Amino acid sequence: RETLPKAIFLDLSMPGMDGYQVLEELRRDPRTADIPVVINTSELLGEEELRRLTTQAAAIVLKNLDVRQGTAERVRN
């Protein structure tokens, strides 16, 4: 929150506060609500989770499926 980055890469699996909670906090705070968030995860996401995350995140990158070039292209877009 001090530096207000241009974009955030966020893993969903983290100790303590998980990525879902972090994303909710970012969206609630007017200072960070508009920062694009790219979810970077190895979790298998269900249809409902995927739908909820796509409304809050700029992109979802699956660690085990996306290749480096494809990830860079999605972030640019």
PDB file of N, CA and C in Angstrom:
ATOM      1  N   ARG A   1       0.810  -1.204   0.000  1.00  0.00           N
ATOM      2  CA  ARG A   1       0.000   0.000   0.000  1.00  0.00           C
ATOM      3  C   ARG A   1       0.846   1.257   0.000  1.00  0.00           C
ATOM      4  N   GLU A   2       2.073   1.155   0.480  1.00  0.00           N
ATOM      5  CA  GLU A   2       2.951   2.327   0.491  1.00  0.00           C
ATOM      6  C   GLU A   2       3.425   2.698  -0.894  1.00  0.00           C
ATOM      7  N   THR A   3       3.720   1.709  -1.727  1.00  0.00           N
ATOM      8  CA  THR A   3       4.296   2.001  -3.042  1.00  0.00           C
ATOM      9  C   THR A   3       3.268   2.028  -4.168  1.00  0.00           C
ATOM     10  N   LEU A   4       2.081   1.479  -3.956  1.00  0.00           N
ATOM     11  CA  LEU A   4       1.033   1.408  -4.974  1.00  0.00           C
ATOM     12  C   LEU A   4       1.593   0.947  -6.326  1.00  0.00           C
ATOM     13  N   PRO A   5       1.862  -0.348  -6.445  1.00  0.00           N
ATOM     14  CA  PRO A   5       2.437  -0.884  -7.684  1.00  0.00           C
ATOM     15  C   PRO A   5       1.482  -0.752  -8.862  1.00  0.00           C
ATOM     16  N   LYS A   6       2.025  -0.867 -10.069  1.00  0.00           N
ATOM     17  CA  LYS A   6       1.213  -0.787 -11.282  1.00  0.00           C
ATOM     18  C   LYS A   6       0.423  -2.075 -11.509  1.00  0.00           C
ATOM     19  N   ALA A   7       0.921  -3.188 -10.971  1.00  0.00           N
ATOM     20  CA  ALA A   7       0.242  -4.482 -11.064  1.00  0.00           C
ATOM     21  C   ALA A   7       0.731  -5.359  -9.917  1.00  0.00           C
ATOM     22  N   ILE A   8      -0.070  -6.364  -9.590  1.00  0.00           N
ATOM     23  CA  ILE A   8       0.272  -7.283  -8.503  1.00  0.00           C
ATOM     24  C   ILE A   8       0.123  -8.709  -9.011  1.00  0.00           C
ATOM     25  N   PHE A   9       1.140  -9.535  -8.785  1.00  0.00           N
ATOM     26  CA  PHE A   9       1.055 -10.967  -9.022  1.00  0.00           C
ATOM     27  C   PHE A   9       0.746 -11.603  -7.675  1.00  0.00           C
ATOM     28  N   LEU A  10      -0.301 -12.385  -7.619  1.00  0.00           N
ATOM     29  CA  LEU A  10      -0.785 -12.907  -6.353  1.00  0.00           C
ATOM     30  C   LEU A  10      -0.988 -14.409  -6.428  1.00  0.00           C
ATOM     31  N   ASP A  11      -0.321 -15.132  -5.533  1.00  0.00           N
ATOM     32  CA  ASP A  11      -0.533 -16.569  -5.407  1.00  0.00           C
ATOM     33  C   ASP A  11      -1.702 -16.784  -4.458  1.00  0.00           C
ATOM     34  N   LEU A  12      -2.510 -17.784  -4.713  1.00  0.00           N
ATOM     35  CA  LEU A  12      -3.645 -18.050  -3.840  1.00  0.00           C
ATOM     36  C   LEU A  12      -3.243 -18.816  -2.588  1.00  0.00           C
ATOM     37  N   SER A  13      -2.195 -19.622  -2.677  1.00  0.00           N
ATOM     38  CA  SER A  13      -1.749 -20.432  -1.541  1.00  0.00           C
ATOM     39  C   SER A  13      -0.597 -19.737  -0.829  1.00  0.00           C
ATOM     40  N   MET A  14      -0.911 -19.179   0.329  1.00  0.00           N
ATOM     41  CA  MET A  14       0.107 -18.508   1.133  1.00  0.00           C
ATOM     42  C   MET A  14      -0.173 -18.820   2.597  1.00  0.00           C
ATOM     43  N   PRO A  15       0.857 -18.808   3.421  1.00  0.00           N
ATOM     44  CA  PRO A  15       0.620 -19.029   4.854  1.00  0.00           C
ATOM     45  C   PRO A  15      -0.064 -17.821   5.478  1.00  0.00           C
ATOM     46  N   GLY A  16      -0.845 -18.053   6.498  1.00  0.00           N
ATOM     47  CA  GLY A  16      -1.542 -16.946   7.154  1.00  0.00           C
ATOM     48  C   GLY A  16      -2.721 -16.513   6.326  1.00  0.00           C
ATOM     49  N   MET A  17      -2.673 -15.324   5.787  1.00  0.00           N
ATOM     50  CA  MET A  17      -3.738 -14.788   4.941  1.00  0.00           C
ATOM     51  C   MET A  17      -3.578 -15.352   3.530  1.00  0.00           C
ATOM     52  N   ASP A  18      -4.617 -16.027   3.010  1.00  0.00           N
ATOM     53  CA  ASP A  18      -4.476 -16.602   1.670  1.00  0.00           C
ATOM     54  C   ASP A  18      -4.766 -15.557   0.589  1.00  0.00           C
ATOM     55  N   GLY A  19      -4.529 -15.922  -0.647  1.00  0.00           N
ATOM     56  CA  GLY A  19      -4.675 -14.995  -1.765  1.00  0.00           C
ATOM     57  C   GLY A  19      -6.091 -14.481  -1.946  1.00  0.00           C
ATOM     58  N   TYR A  20      -7.072 -15.298  -1.613  1.00  0.00           N
ATOM     59  CA  TYR A  20      -8.465 -14.856  -1.714  1.00  0.00           C
ATOM     60  C   TYR A  20      -8.717 -13.679  -0.764  1.00  0.00           C
ATOM     61  N   GLN A  21      -8.193 -13.805   0.451  1.00  0.00           N
ATOM     62  CA  GLN A  21      -8.357 -12.739   1.447  1.00  0.00           C
ATOM     63  C   GLN A  21      -7.600 -11.480   1.029  1.00  0.00           C
ATOM     64  N   VAL A  22      -6.400 -11.662   0.501  1.00  0.00           N
ATOM     65  CA  VAL A  22      -5.608 -10.513   0.043  1.00  0.00           C
ATOM     66  C   VAL A  22      -6.358  -9.782  -1.071  1.00  0.00           C
ATOM     67  N   LEU A  23      -6.894 -10.531  -2.016  1.00  0.00           N
ATOM     68  CA  LEU A  23      -7.624  -9.925  -3.128  1.00  0.00           C
ATOM     69  C   LEU A  23      -8.840  -9.139  -2.630  1.00  0.00           C
ATOM     70  N   GLU A  24      -9.560  -9.708  -1.690  1.00  0.00           N
ATOM     71  CA  GLU A  24     -10.713  -9.003  -1.119  1.00  0.00           C
ATOM     72  C   GLU A  24     -10.283  -7.701  -0.447  1.00  0.00           C
ATOM     73  N   GLU A  25      -9.176  -7.750   0.314  1.00  0.00           N
ATOM     74  CA  GLU A  25      -8.660  -6.547   0.974  1.00  0.00           C
ATOM     75  C   GLU A  25      -8.254  -5.486  -0.050  1.00  0.00           C
ATOM     76  N   LEU A  26      -7.580  -5.918  -1.100  1.00  0.00           N
ATOM     77  CA  LEU A  26      -7.160  -4.978  -2.149  1.00  0.00           C
ATOM     78  C   LEU A  26      -8.361  -4.306  -2.794  1.00  0.00           C
ATOM     79  N   ARG A  27      -9.411  -5.053  -3.060  1.00  0.00           N
ATOM     80  CA  ARG A  27     -10.585  -4.507  -3.727  1.00  0.00           C
ATOM     81  C   ARG A  27     -11.408  -3.601  -2.804  1.00  0.00           C
ATOM     82  N   ARG A  28     -11.367  -3.837  -1.501  1.00  0.00           N
ATOM     83  CA  ARG A  28     -12.105  -2.998  -0.547  1.00  0.00           C
ATOM     84  C   ARG A  28     -11.457  -1.645  -0.310  1.00  0.00           C
ATOM     85  N   ASP A  29     -10.136  -1.577  -0.455  1.00  0.00           N
ATOM     86  CA  ASP A  29      -9.393  -0.346  -0.182  1.00  0.00           C
ATOM     87  C   ASP A  29      -9.410   0.548  -1.425  1.00  0.00           C
ATOM     88  N   PRO A  30      -9.948   1.755  -1.341  1.00  0.00           N
ATOM     89  CA  PRO A  30     -10.008   2.648  -2.509  1.00  0.00           C
ATOM     90  C   PRO A  30      -8.630   2.950  -3.109  1.00  0.00           C
ATOM     91  N   ARG A  31      -7.568   2.883  -2.302  1.00  0.00           N
ATOM     92  CA  ARG A  31      -6.217   3.165  -2.819  1.00  0.00           C
ATOM     93  C   ARG A  31      -5.701   2.040  -3.696  1.00  0.00           C
ATOM     94  N   THR A  32      -6.179   0.811  -3.483  1.00  0.00           N
ATOM     95  CA  THR A  32      -5.663  -0.336  -4.235  1.00  0.00           C
ATOM     96  C   THR A  32      -6.725  -1.010  -5.109  1.00  0.00           C
ATOM     97  N   ALA A  33      -7.938  -0.526  -5.066  1.00  0.00           N
ATOM     98  CA  ALA A  33      -9.051  -1.181  -5.756  1.00  0.00           C
ATOM     99  C   ALA A  33      -8.853  -1.296  -7.262  1.00  0.00           C
ATOM    100  N   ASP A  34      -8.153  -0.353  -7.871  1.00  0.00           N
ATOM    101  CA  ASP A  34      -7.999  -0.354  -9.328  1.00  0.00           C
ATOM    102  C   ASP A  34      -6.672  -0.931  -9.817  1.00  0.00           C
ATOM    103  N   ILE A  35      -5.832  -1.418  -8.912  1.00  0.00           N
ATOM    104  CA  ILE A  35      -4.566  -2.030  -9.329  1.00  0.00           C
ATOM    105  C   ILE A  35      -4.865  -3.392  -9.949  1.00  0.00           C
ATOM    106  N   PRO A  36      -4.407  -3.641 -11.185  1.00  0.00           N
ATOM    107  CA  PRO A  36      -4.625  -4.954 -11.800  1.00  0.00           C
ATOM    108  C   PRO A  36      -3.925  -6.055 -11.001  1.00  0.00           C
ATOM    109  N   VAL A  37      -4.652  -7.129 -10.744  1.00  0.00           N
ATOM    110  CA  VAL A  37      -4.104  -8.273 -10.021  1.00  0.00           C
ATOM    111  C   VAL A  37      -4.103  -9.470 -10.948  1.00  0.00           C
ATOM    112  N   VAL A  38      -2.935 -10.103 -11.074  1.00  0.00           N
ATOM    113  CA  VAL A  38      -2.796 -11.326 -11.854  1.00  0.00           C
ATOM    114  C   VAL A  38      -2.668 -12.471 -10.856  1.00  0.00           C
ATOM    115  N   ILE A  39      -3.636 -13.368 -10.873  1.00  0.00           N
ATOM    116  CA  ILE A  39      -3.596 -14.539 -10.007  1.00  0.00           C
ATOM    117  C   ILE A  39      -2.639 -15.536 -10.636  1.00  0.00           C
ATOM    118  N   ASN A  40      -1.679 -15.998  -9.852  1.00  0.00           N
ATOM    119  CA  ASN A  40      -0.683 -16.957 -10.304  1.00  0.00           C
ATOM    120  C   ASN A  40      -0.779 -18.147  -9.355  1.00  0.00           C
ATOM    121  N   THR A  41      -1.344 -19.256  -9.836  1.00  0.00           N
ATOM    122  CA  THR A  41      -1.627 -20.353  -8.918  1.00  0.00           C
ATOM    123  C   THR A  41      -1.410 -21.715  -9.548  1.00  0.00           C
ATOM    124  N   SER A  42      -1.147 -22.685  -8.696  1.00  0.00           N
ATOM    125  CA  SER A  42      -1.080 -24.075  -9.137  1.00  0.00           C
ATOM    126  C   SER A  42      -2.317 -24.832  -8.661  1.00  0.00           C
ATOM    127  N   GLU A  43      -3.223 -24.137  -7.970  1.00  0.00           N
ATOM    128  CA  GLU A  43      -4.461 -24.754  -7.491  1.00  0.00           C
ATOM    129  C   GLU A  43      -5.376 -25.103  -8.658  1.00  0.00           C
ATOM    130  N   LEU A  44      -6.088 -26.198  -8.517  1.00  0.00           N
ATOM    131  CA  LEU A  44      -7.131 -26.523  -9.489  1.00  0.00           C
ATOM    132  C   LEU A  44      -8.371 -25.769  -9.059  1.00  0.00           C
ATOM    133  N   LEU A  45      -8.838 -24.881  -9.903  1.00  0.00           N
ATOM    134  CA  LEU A  45      -9.956 -24.020  -9.561  1.00  0.00           C
ATOM    135  C   LEU A  45     -11.263 -24.592 -10.086  1.00  0.00           C
ATOM    136  N   GLY A  46     -12.272 -24.593  -9.230  1.00  0.00           N
ATOM    137  CA  GLY A  46     -13.604 -25.009  -9.651  1.00  0.00           C
ATOM    138  C   GLY A  46     -14.250 -23.910 -10.477  1.00  0.00           C
ATOM    139  N   GLU A  47     -15.326 -24.238 -11.131  1.00  0.00           N
ATOM    140  CA  GLU A  47     -16.003 -23.279 -12.011  1.00  0.00           C
ATOM    141  C   GLU A  47     -16.469 -22.040 -11.242  1.00  0.00           C
ATOM    142  N   GLU A  48     -17.015 -22.237 -10.048  1.00  0.00           N
ATOM    143  CA  GLU A  48     -17.497 -21.100  -9.260  1.00  0.00           C
ATOM    144  C   GLU A  48     -16.337 -20.209  -8.795  1.00  0.00           C
ATOM    145  N   GLU A  49     -15.247 -20.840  -8.348  1.00  0.00           N
ATOM    146  CA  GLU A  49     -14.061 -20.066  -7.942  1.00  0.00           C
ATOM    147  C   GLU A  49     -13.510 -19.275  -9.116  1.00  0.00           C
ATOM    148  N   LEU A  50     -13.412 -19.915 -10.250  1.00  0.00           N
ATOM    149  CA  LEU A  50     -12.881 -19.270 -11.448  1.00  0.00           C
ATOM    150  C   LEU A  50     -13.746 -18.081 -11.843  1.00  0.00           C
ATOM    151  N   ARG A  51     -15.047 -18.237 -11.800  1.00  0.00           N
ATOM    152  CA  ARG A  51     -15.957 -17.146 -12.138  1.00  0.00           C
ATOM    153  C   ARG A  51     -15.798 -15.974 -11.164  1.00  0.00           C
ATOM    154  N   ARG A  52     -15.699 -16.277  -9.874  1.00  0.00           N
ATOM    155  CA  ARG A  52     -15.559 -15.218  -8.863  1.00  0.00           C
ATOM    156  C   ARG A  52     -14.232 -14.478  -9.036  1.00  0.00           C
ATOM    157  N   LEU A  53     -13.157 -15.231  -9.274  1.00  0.00           N
ATOM    158  CA  LEU A  53     -11.844 -14.604  -9.425  1.00  0.00           C
ATOM    159  C   LEU A  53     -11.746 -13.762 -10.689  1.00  0.00           C
ATOM    160  N   THR A  54     -12.374 -14.202 -11.770  1.00  0.00           N
ATOM    161  CA  THR A  54     -12.270 -13.438 -13.016  1.00  0.00           C
ATOM    162  C   THR A  54     -12.973 -12.090 -12.921  1.00  0.00           C
ATOM    163  N   THR A  55     -13.893 -11.933 -11.989  1.00  0.00           N
ATOM    164  CA  THR A  55     -14.528 -10.630 -11.813  1.00  0.00           C
ATOM    165  C   THR A  55     -13.650  -9.677 -11.009  1.00  0.00           C
ATOM    166  N   GLN A  56     -12.675 -10.228 -10.281  1.00  0.00           N
ATOM    167  CA  GLN A  56     -11.829  -9.405  -9.416  1.00  0.00           C
ATOM    168  C   GLN A  56     -10.386  -9.284  -9.895  1.00  0.00           C
ATOM    169  N   ALA A  57      -9.965 -10.174 -10.776  1.00  0.00           N
ATOM    170  CA  ALA A  57      -8.569 -10.198 -11.216  1.00  0.00           C
ATOM    171  C   ALA A  57      -8.474  -9.853 -12.705  1.00  0.00           C
ATOM    172  N   ALA A  58      -7.336  -9.289 -13.085  1.00  0.00           N
ATOM    173  CA  ALA A  58      -7.091  -8.953 -14.490  1.00  0.00           C
ATOM    174  C   ALA A  58      -6.844 -10.200 -15.324  1.00  0.00           C
ATOM    175  N   ALA A  59      -6.223 -11.218 -14.705  1.00  0.00           N
ATOM    176  CA  ALA A  59      -5.921 -12.468 -15.407  1.00  0.00           C
ATOM    177  C   ALA A  59      -5.657 -13.553 -14.379  1.00  0.00           C
ATOM    178  N   ILE A  60      -5.807 -14.790 -14.817  1.00  0.00           N
ATOM    179  CA  ILE A  60      -5.472 -15.937 -13.990  1.00  0.00           C
ATOM    180  C   ILE A  60      -4.472 -16.765 -14.767  1.00  0.00           C
ATOM    181  N   VAL A  61      -3.311 -16.982 -14.171  1.00  0.00           N
ATOM    182  CA  VAL A  61      -2.239 -17.747 -14.806  1.00  0.00           C
ATOM    183  C   VAL A  61      -2.055 -19.026 -14.008  1.00  0.00           C
ATOM    184  N   LEU A  62      -2.271 -20.163 -14.660  1.00  0.00           N
ATOM    185  CA  LEU A  62      -2.092 -21.445 -13.995  1.00  0.00           C
ATOM    186  C   LEU A  62      -0.645 -21.882 -14.159  1.00  0.00           C
ATOM    187  N   LYS A  63       0.046 -22.035 -13.047  1.00  0.00           N
ATOM    188  CA  LYS A  63       1.480 -22.322 -13.072  1.00  0.00           C
ATOM    189  C   LYS A  63       1.827 -23.566 -13.873  1.00  0.00           C
ATOM    190  N   ASN A  64       1.023 -24.592 -13.762  1.00  0.00           N
ATOM    191  CA  ASN A  64       1.390 -25.834 -14.422  1.00  0.00           C
ATOM    192  C   ASN A  64       0.919 -25.920 -15.872  1.00  0.00           C
ATOM    193  N   LEU A  65       0.142 -24.951 -16.356  1.00  0.00           N
ATOM    194  CA  LEU A  65      -0.352 -25.011 -17.730  1.00  0.00           C
ATOM    195  C   LEU A  65       0.198 -23.923 -18.642  1.00  0.00           C
ATOM    196  N   ASP A  66       0.409 -22.740 -18.096  1.00  0.00           N
ATOM    197  CA  ASP A  66       0.852 -21.621 -18.922  1.00  0.00           C
ATOM    198  C   ASP A  66       2.362 -21.638 -19.101  1.00  0.00           C
ATOM    199  N   VAL A  67       2.798 -21.326 -20.299  1.00  0.00           N
ATOM    200  CA  VAL A  67       4.224 -21.213 -20.554  1.00  0.00           C
ATOM    201  C   VAL A  67       4.633 -19.755 -20.395  1.00  0.00           C
ATOM    202  N   ARG A  68       5.910 -19.528 -20.269  1.00  0.00           N
ATOM    203  CA  ARG A  68       6.415 -18.179 -20.002  1.00  0.00           C
ATOM    204  C   ARG A  68       5.961 -17.163 -21.043  1.00  0.00           C
ATOM    205  N   GLN A  69       6.042 -17.489 -22.314  1.00  0.00           N
ATOM    206  CA  GLN A  69       5.650 -16.551 -23.368  1.00  0.00           C
ATOM    207  C   GLN A  69       4.173 -16.212 -23.273  1.00  0.00           C
ATOM    208  N   GLY A  70       3.352 -17.216 -23.079  1.00  0.00           N
ATOM    209  CA  GLY A  70       1.913 -16.988 -22.975  1.00  0.00           C
ATOM    210  C   GLY A  70       1.574 -16.127 -21.770  1.00  0.00           C
ATOM    211  N   THR A  71       2.285 -16.325 -20.682  1.00  0.00           N
ATOM    212  CA  THR A  71       2.057 -15.531 -19.477  1.00  0.00           C
ATOM    213  C   THR A  71       2.423 -14.073 -19.730  1.00  0.00           C
ATOM    214  N   ALA A  72       3.546 -13.830 -20.354  1.00  0.00           N
ATOM    215  CA  ALA A  72       3.979 -12.456 -20.635  1.00  0.00           C
ATOM    216  C   ALA A  72       2.962 -11.761 -21.534  1.00  0.00           C
ATOM    217  N   GLU A  73       2.446 -12.467 -22.515  1.00  0.00           N
ATOM    218  CA  GLU A  73       1.462 -11.882 -23.422  1.00  0.00           C
ATOM    219  C   GLU A  73       0.171 -11.526 -22.676  1.00  0.00           C
ATOM    220  N   ARG A  74      -0.275 -12.405 -21.802  1.00  0.00           N
ATOM    221  CA  ARG A  74      -1.506 -12.136 -21.042  1.00  0.00           C
ATOM    222  C   ARG A  74      -1.334 -10.954 -20.117  1.00  0.00           C
ATOM    223  N   VAL A  75      -0.163 -10.799 -19.519  1.00  0.00           N
ATOM    224  CA  VAL A  75       0.085  -9.664 -18.627  1.00  0.00           C
ATOM    225  C   VAL A  75       0.089  -8.367 -19.430  1.00  0.00           C
ATOM    226  N   ARG A  76       0.705  -8.370 -20.604  1.00  0.00           N
ATOM    227  CA  ARG A  76       0.701  -7.165 -21.442  1.00  0.00           C
ATOM    228  C   ARG A  76      -0.712  -6.760 -21.814  1.00  0.00           C
ATOM    229  N   ASN A  77      -1.535  -7.728 -22.152  1.00  0.00           N
ATOM    230  CA  ASN A  77      -2.930  -7.438 -22.534  1.00  0.00           C
ATOM    231  C   ASN A  77      -3.709  -6.912 -21.360  1.00  0.00           C
TER     232      ASN A  77
END
